[in-house]
């Protein structure tokens, strides 16, 4: 019985920081400045799910059939926006670089991100046992290429 209690206590100590790092919350608990900014920018948004992580308010939602994730400051300023994209919706410049430098790779989980006014396109590319996280700027220039270190982990090691 003592061992069971010790195991439960140890599990709670390990899991509680993970649970507390991202807290789901109802829209009624989000500051009015944040919800007003969101409503003004995305009046047709549906299925909005809010959480607070690292002092930022994050919302995942759909708008015009597209999936978005946006983070806001307490003041209602958009800090970062991510929009899921099909590979067909990638800019021609990014598609050209993929065709040239990553021919034969399966590209998935593409998204457009805007942070500090800079737009990037992020995705995973896989060919056989090779799997990379790729980031391109709007002109199609590869600005980040990281190889996956171990299967099933979200840890990447930079590769040049």
C-alpha atoms as a PDB file:
ATOM      1  CA  UNK A   1       0.000   0.000   0.000  1.00  0.00           C
ATOM      2  CA  UNK A   2       2.852   2.392   0.841  1.00  0.00           C
ATOM      3  CA  UNK A   3       4.434   1.738  -2.551  1.00  0.00           C
ATOM      4  CA  UNK A   4       1.142   2.452  -4.304  1.00  0.00           C
ATOM      5  CA  UNK A   5       0.787   5.779  -2.488  1.00  0.00           C
ATOM      6  CA  UNK A   6       4.403   6.683  -3.282  1.00  0.00           C
ATOM      7  CA  UNK A   7       3.848   5.846  -6.961  1.00  0.00           C
ATOM      8  CA  UNK A   8       0.659   7.910  -7.127  1.00  0.00           C
ATOM      9  CA  UNK A   9       2.365  10.861  -5.421  1.00  0.00           C
ATOM     10  CA  UNK A  10       5.361  10.625  -7.771  1.00  0.00           C
ATOM     11  CA  UNK A  11       3.062  10.485 -10.786  1.00  0.00           C
ATOM     12  CA  UNK A  12       1.161  13.563  -9.578  1.00  0.00           C
ATOM     13  CA  UNK A  13       4.414  15.493  -9.142  1.00  0.00           C
ATOM     14  CA  UNK A  14       5.518  14.614 -12.648  1.00  0.00           C
ATOM     15  CA  UNK A  15       2.187  15.226 -14.409  1.00  0.00           C
ATOM     16  CA  UNK A  16       0.961  18.358 -12.587  1.00  0.00           C
ATOM     17  CA  UNK A  17       3.508  20.772 -14.151  1.00  0.00           C
ATOM     18  CA  UNK A  18       2.563  19.439 -17.593  1.00  0.00           C
ATOM     19  CA  UNK A  19      -1.122  20.020 -16.927  1.00  0.00           C
ATOM     20  CA  UNK A  20      -0.528  23.478 -15.490  1.00  0.00           C
ATOM     21  CA  UNK A  21       1.631  24.664 -18.386  1.00  0.00           C
ATOM     22  CA  UNK A  22      -1.380  24.861 -20.725  1.00  0.00           C
ATOM     23  CA  UNK A  23      -4.706  25.518 -19.075  1.00  0.00           C
ATOM     24  CA  UNK A  24      -7.916  25.216 -21.057  1.00  0.00           C
ATOM     25  CA  UNK A  25     -10.380  27.932 -20.222  1.00  0.00           C
ATOM     26  CA  UNK A  26     -13.837  29.136 -21.216  1.00  0.00           C
ATOM     27  CA  UNK A  27     -14.015  32.298 -23.321  1.00  0.00           C
ATOM     28  CA  UNK A  28     -15.688  34.039 -20.366  1.00  0.00           C
ATOM     29  CA  UNK A  29     -12.382  33.832 -18.445  1.00  0.00           C
ATOM     30  CA  UNK A  30     -10.330  35.391 -21.280  1.00  0.00           C
ATOM     31  CA  UNK A  31      -9.750  39.170 -20.900  1.00  0.00           C
ATOM     32  CA  UNK A  32     -12.198  41.338 -22.856  1.00  0.00           C
ATOM     33  CA  UNK A  33      -9.299  43.016 -24.698  1.00  0.00           C
ATOM     34  CA  UNK A  34      -8.285  39.628 -26.092  1.00  0.00           C
ATOM     35  CA  UNK A  35     -11.766  38.422 -27.052  1.00  0.00           C
ATOM     36  CA  UNK A  36     -12.566  41.799 -28.651  1.00  0.00           C
ATOM     37  CA  UNK A  37      -9.420  41.670 -30.815  1.00  0.00           C
ATOM     38  CA  UNK A  38     -10.213  38.098 -31.808  1.00  0.00           C
ATOM     39  CA  UNK A  39     -13.880  38.832 -32.620  1.00  0.00           C
ATOM     40  CA  UNK A  40     -12.938  41.881 -34.701  1.00  0.00           C
ATOM     41  CA  UNK A  41     -10.344  39.967 -36.754  1.00  0.00           C
ATOM     42  CA  UNK A  42     -12.375  36.739 -37.128  1.00  0.00           C
ATOM     43  CA  UNK A  43     -16.110  37.493 -36.845  1.00  0.00           C
ATOM     44  CA  UNK A  44     -17.018  34.206 -38.601  1.00  0.00           C
ATOM     45  CA  UNK A  45     -14.834  32.000 -36.360  1.00  0.00           C
ATOM     46  CA  UNK A  46     -16.331  28.775 -35.059  1.00  0.00           C
ATOM     47  CA  UNK A  47     -15.358  26.111 -32.526  1.00  0.00           C
ATOM     48  CA  UNK A  48     -13.019  28.479 -30.657  1.00  0.00           C
ATOM     49  CA  UNK A  49     -11.129  26.718 -27.875  1.00  0.00           C
ATOM     50  CA  UNK A  50      -9.116  28.889 -25.490  1.00  0.00           C
ATOM     51  CA  UNK A  51      -6.173  28.131 -23.247  1.00  0.00           C
ATOM     52  CA  UNK A  52      -3.510  30.048 -21.415  1.00  0.00           C
ATOM     53  CA  UNK A  53       0.107  29.006 -21.830  1.00  0.00           C
ATOM     54  CA  UNK A  54       3.260  30.825 -20.788  1.00  0.00           C
ATOM     55  CA  UNK A  55       1.257  33.968 -20.004  1.00  0.00           C
ATOM     56  CA  UNK A  56      -0.295  34.095 -23.485  1.00  0.00           C
ATOM     57  CA  UNK A  57      -3.897  33.474 -24.480  1.00  0.00           C
ATOM     58  CA  UNK A  58      -4.139  30.953 -27.286  1.00  0.00           C
ATOM     59  CA  UNK A  59      -7.176  30.150 -29.370  1.00  0.00           C
ATOM     60  CA  UNK A  60      -7.671  27.311 -31.848  1.00  0.00           C
ATOM     61  CA  UNK A  61     -10.612  27.726 -34.223  1.00  0.00           C
ATOM     62  CA  UNK A  62     -11.990  27.356 -37.731  1.00  0.00           C
ATOM     63  CA  UNK A  63     -12.735  30.227 -40.071  1.00  0.00           C
ATOM     64  CA  UNK A  64     -14.062  29.778 -43.618  1.00  0.00           C
ATOM     65  CA  UNK A  65     -13.204  26.055 -43.402  1.00  0.00           C
ATOM     66  CA  UNK A  66      -9.552  26.664 -42.443  1.00  0.00           C
ATOM     67  CA  UNK A  67      -7.913  25.788 -39.107  1.00  0.00           C
ATOM     68  CA  UNK A  68      -6.057  28.477 -37.170  1.00  0.00           C
ATOM     69  CA  UNK A  69      -4.165  28.902 -33.918  1.00  0.00           C
ATOM     70  CA  UNK A  70      -3.444  32.389 -32.625  1.00  0.00           C
ATOM     71  CA  UNK A  71      -1.728  33.643 -29.483  1.00  0.00           C
ATOM     72  CA  UNK A  72      -2.519  37.020 -27.909  1.00  0.00           C
ATOM     73  CA  UNK A  73      -0.969  39.188 -25.207  1.00  0.00           C
ATOM     74  CA  UNK A  74      -3.075  40.403 -22.247  1.00  0.00           C
ATOM     75  CA  UNK A  75      -3.554  43.664 -24.164  1.00  0.00           C
ATOM     76  CA  UNK A  76      -5.171  41.840 -27.100  1.00  0.00           C
ATOM     77  CA  UNK A  77      -2.197  42.124 -29.450  1.00  0.00           C
ATOM     78  CA  UNK A  78      -1.758  39.182 -31.804  1.00  0.00           C
ATOM     79  CA  UNK A  79       1.652  37.634 -31.110  1.00  0.00           C
ATOM     80  CA  UNK A  80       1.610  34.715 -33.511  1.00  0.00           C
ATOM     81  CA  UNK A  81      -0.789  33.141 -36.000  1.00  0.00           C
ATOM     82  CA  UNK A  82      -0.635  29.692 -37.558  1.00  0.00           C
ATOM     83  CA  UNK A  83      -2.910  28.498 -40.353  1.00  0.00           C
ATOM     84  CA  UNK A  84      -3.035  24.893 -41.527  1.00  0.00           C
ATOM     85  CA  UNK A  85      -2.501  24.566 -45.294  1.00  0.00           C
ATOM     86  CA  UNK A  86      -2.778  21.816 -47.832  1.00  0.00           C
ATOM     87  CA  UNK A  87       0.446  21.352 -49.776  1.00  0.00           C
ATOM     88  CA  UNK A  88      -1.462  22.578 -52.837  1.00  0.00           C
ATOM     89  CA  UNK A  89      -2.016  25.920 -51.080  1.00  0.00           C
ATOM     90  CA  UNK A  90       1.708  26.563 -50.529  1.00  0.00           C
ATOM     91  CA  UNK A  91       3.129  29.517 -52.495  1.00  0.00           C
ATOM     92  CA  UNK A  92       4.683  28.705 -55.877  1.00  0.00           C
ATOM     93  CA  UNK A  93       8.095  29.811 -54.565  1.00  0.00           C
ATOM     94  CA  UNK A  94       7.989  27.220 -51.752  1.00  0.00           C
ATOM     95  CA  UNK A  95       6.696  24.509 -54.106  1.00  0.00           C
ATOM     96  CA  UNK A  96       9.577  25.229 -56.504  1.00  0.00           C
ATOM     97  CA  UNK A  97      12.199  24.813 -53.762  1.00  0.00           C
ATOM     98  CA  UNK A  98      10.530  21.609 -52.567  1.00  0.00           C
ATOM     99  CA  UNK A  99      10.494  20.208 -56.116  1.00  0.00           C
ATOM    100  CA  UNK A 100      14.149  21.093 -56.616  1.00  0.00           C
ATOM    101  CA  UNK A 101      15.698  20.239 -53.238  1.00  0.00           C
ATOM    102  CA  UNK A 102      13.253  17.675 -51.809  1.00  0.00           C
ATOM    103  CA  UNK A 103      12.114  15.671 -54.852  1.00  0.00           C
ATOM    104  CA  UNK A 104      10.599  12.358 -53.799  1.00  0.00           C
ATOM    105  CA  UNK A 105       9.831  13.513 -50.236  1.00  0.00           C
ATOM    106  CA  UNK A 106       6.320  13.248 -48.854  1.00  0.00           C
ATOM    107  CA  UNK A 107       5.359  16.657 -47.464  1.00  0.00           C
ATOM    108  CA  UNK A 108       2.743  16.875 -44.729  1.00  0.00           C
ATOM    109  CA  UNK A 109       1.372  19.058 -41.951  1.00  0.00           C
ATOM    110  CA  UNK A 110       2.036  22.301 -43.793  1.00  0.00           C
ATOM    111  CA  UNK A 111       1.185  25.595 -42.162  1.00  0.00           C
ATOM    112  CA  UNK A 112       1.699  29.286 -42.624  1.00  0.00           C
ATOM    113  CA  UNK A 113       2.944  31.175 -39.562  1.00  0.00           C
ATOM    114  CA  UNK A 114       3.100  34.913 -38.948  1.00  0.00           C
ATOM    115  CA  UNK A 115       5.206  36.186 -36.062  1.00  0.00           C
ATOM    116  CA  UNK A 116       6.554  39.703 -35.639  1.00  0.00           C
ATOM    117  CA  UNK A 117       5.213  40.538 -39.104  1.00  0.00           C
ATOM    118  CA  UNK A 118       7.282  37.793 -40.767  1.00  0.00           C
ATOM    119  CA  UNK A 119       5.512  35.043 -42.722  1.00  0.00           C
ATOM    120  CA  UNK A 120       7.015  31.561 -42.858  1.00  0.00           C
ATOM    121  CA  UNK A 121       5.852  28.194 -44.164  1.00  0.00           C
ATOM    122  CA  UNK A 122       6.519  25.173 -41.967  1.00  0.00           C
ATOM    123  CA  UNK A 123       6.118  21.487 -42.765  1.00  0.00           C
ATOM    124  CA  UNK A 124       7.486  17.986 -42.355  1.00  0.00           C
ATOM    125  CA  UNK A 125       9.138  16.153 -45.235  1.00  0.00           C
ATOM    126  CA  UNK A 126       9.734  12.411 -45.167  1.00  0.00           C
ATOM    127  CA  UNK A 127      11.525  10.005 -47.482  1.00  0.00           C
ATOM    128  CA  UNK A 128      12.284   6.520 -46.214  1.00  0.00           C
ATOM    129  CA  UNK A 129      13.864   6.898 -42.783  1.00  0.00           C
ATOM    130  CA  UNK A 130      14.724  10.552 -43.363  1.00  0.00           C
ATOM    131  CA  UNK A 131      12.335  12.999 -41.759  1.00  0.00           C
ATOM    132  CA  UNK A 132      12.868  16.738 -41.584  1.00  0.00           C
ATOM    133  CA  UNK A 133      11.120  19.754 -40.186  1.00  0.00           C
ATOM    134  CA  UNK A 134      11.412  22.465 -42.845  1.00  0.00           C
ATOM    135  CA  UNK A 135      10.797  26.201 -42.635  1.00  0.00           C
ATOM    136  CA  UNK A 136      10.742  28.478 -45.686  1.00  0.00           C
ATOM    137  CA  UNK A 137      10.404  32.241 -45.976  1.00  0.00           C
ATOM    138  CA  UNK A 138       7.821  33.764 -48.300  1.00  0.00           C
ATOM    139  CA  UNK A 139      10.311  33.846 -51.194  1.00  0.00           C
ATOM    140  CA  UNK A 140      10.804  30.067 -50.978  1.00  0.00           C
ATOM    141  CA  UNK A 141      14.234  30.231 -49.347  1.00  0.00           C
ATOM    142  CA  UNK A 142      14.888  27.364 -46.906  1.00  0.00           C
ATOM    143  CA  UNK A 143      15.643  28.988 -43.551  1.00  0.00           C
ATOM    144  CA  UNK A 144      15.520  25.933 -41.283  1.00  0.00           C
ATOM    145  CA  UNK A 145      16.057  22.217 -41.793  1.00  0.00           C
ATOM    146  CA  UNK A 146      16.105  19.931 -38.792  1.00  0.00           C
ATOM    147  CA  UNK A 147      16.357  16.161 -38.821  1.00  0.00           C
ATOM    148  CA  UNK A 148      14.255  14.103 -36.449  1.00  0.00           C
ATOM    149  CA  UNK A 149      16.497  12.530 -33.800  1.00  0.00           C
ATOM    150  CA  UNK A 150      14.356   9.668 -32.480  1.00  0.00           C
ATOM    151  CA  UNK A 151      11.071   8.163 -33.630  1.00  0.00           C
ATOM    152  CA  UNK A 152       8.075   9.361 -31.637  1.00  0.00           C
ATOM    153  CA  UNK A 153       9.819  12.326 -30.029  1.00  0.00           C
ATOM    154  CA  UNK A 154       9.362  15.997 -30.856  1.00  0.00           C
ATOM    155  CA  UNK A 155      13.067  16.668 -30.374  1.00  0.00           C
ATOM    156  CA  UNK A 156      15.050  17.721 -33.409  1.00  0.00           C
ATOM    157  CA  UNK A 157      18.722  18.149 -34.049  1.00  0.00           C
ATOM    158  CA  UNK A 158      19.890  20.881 -36.399  1.00  0.00           C
ATOM    159  CA  UNK A 159      21.451  19.620 -39.609  1.00  0.00           C
ATOM    160  CA  UNK A 160      23.403  21.772 -42.042  1.00  0.00           C
END
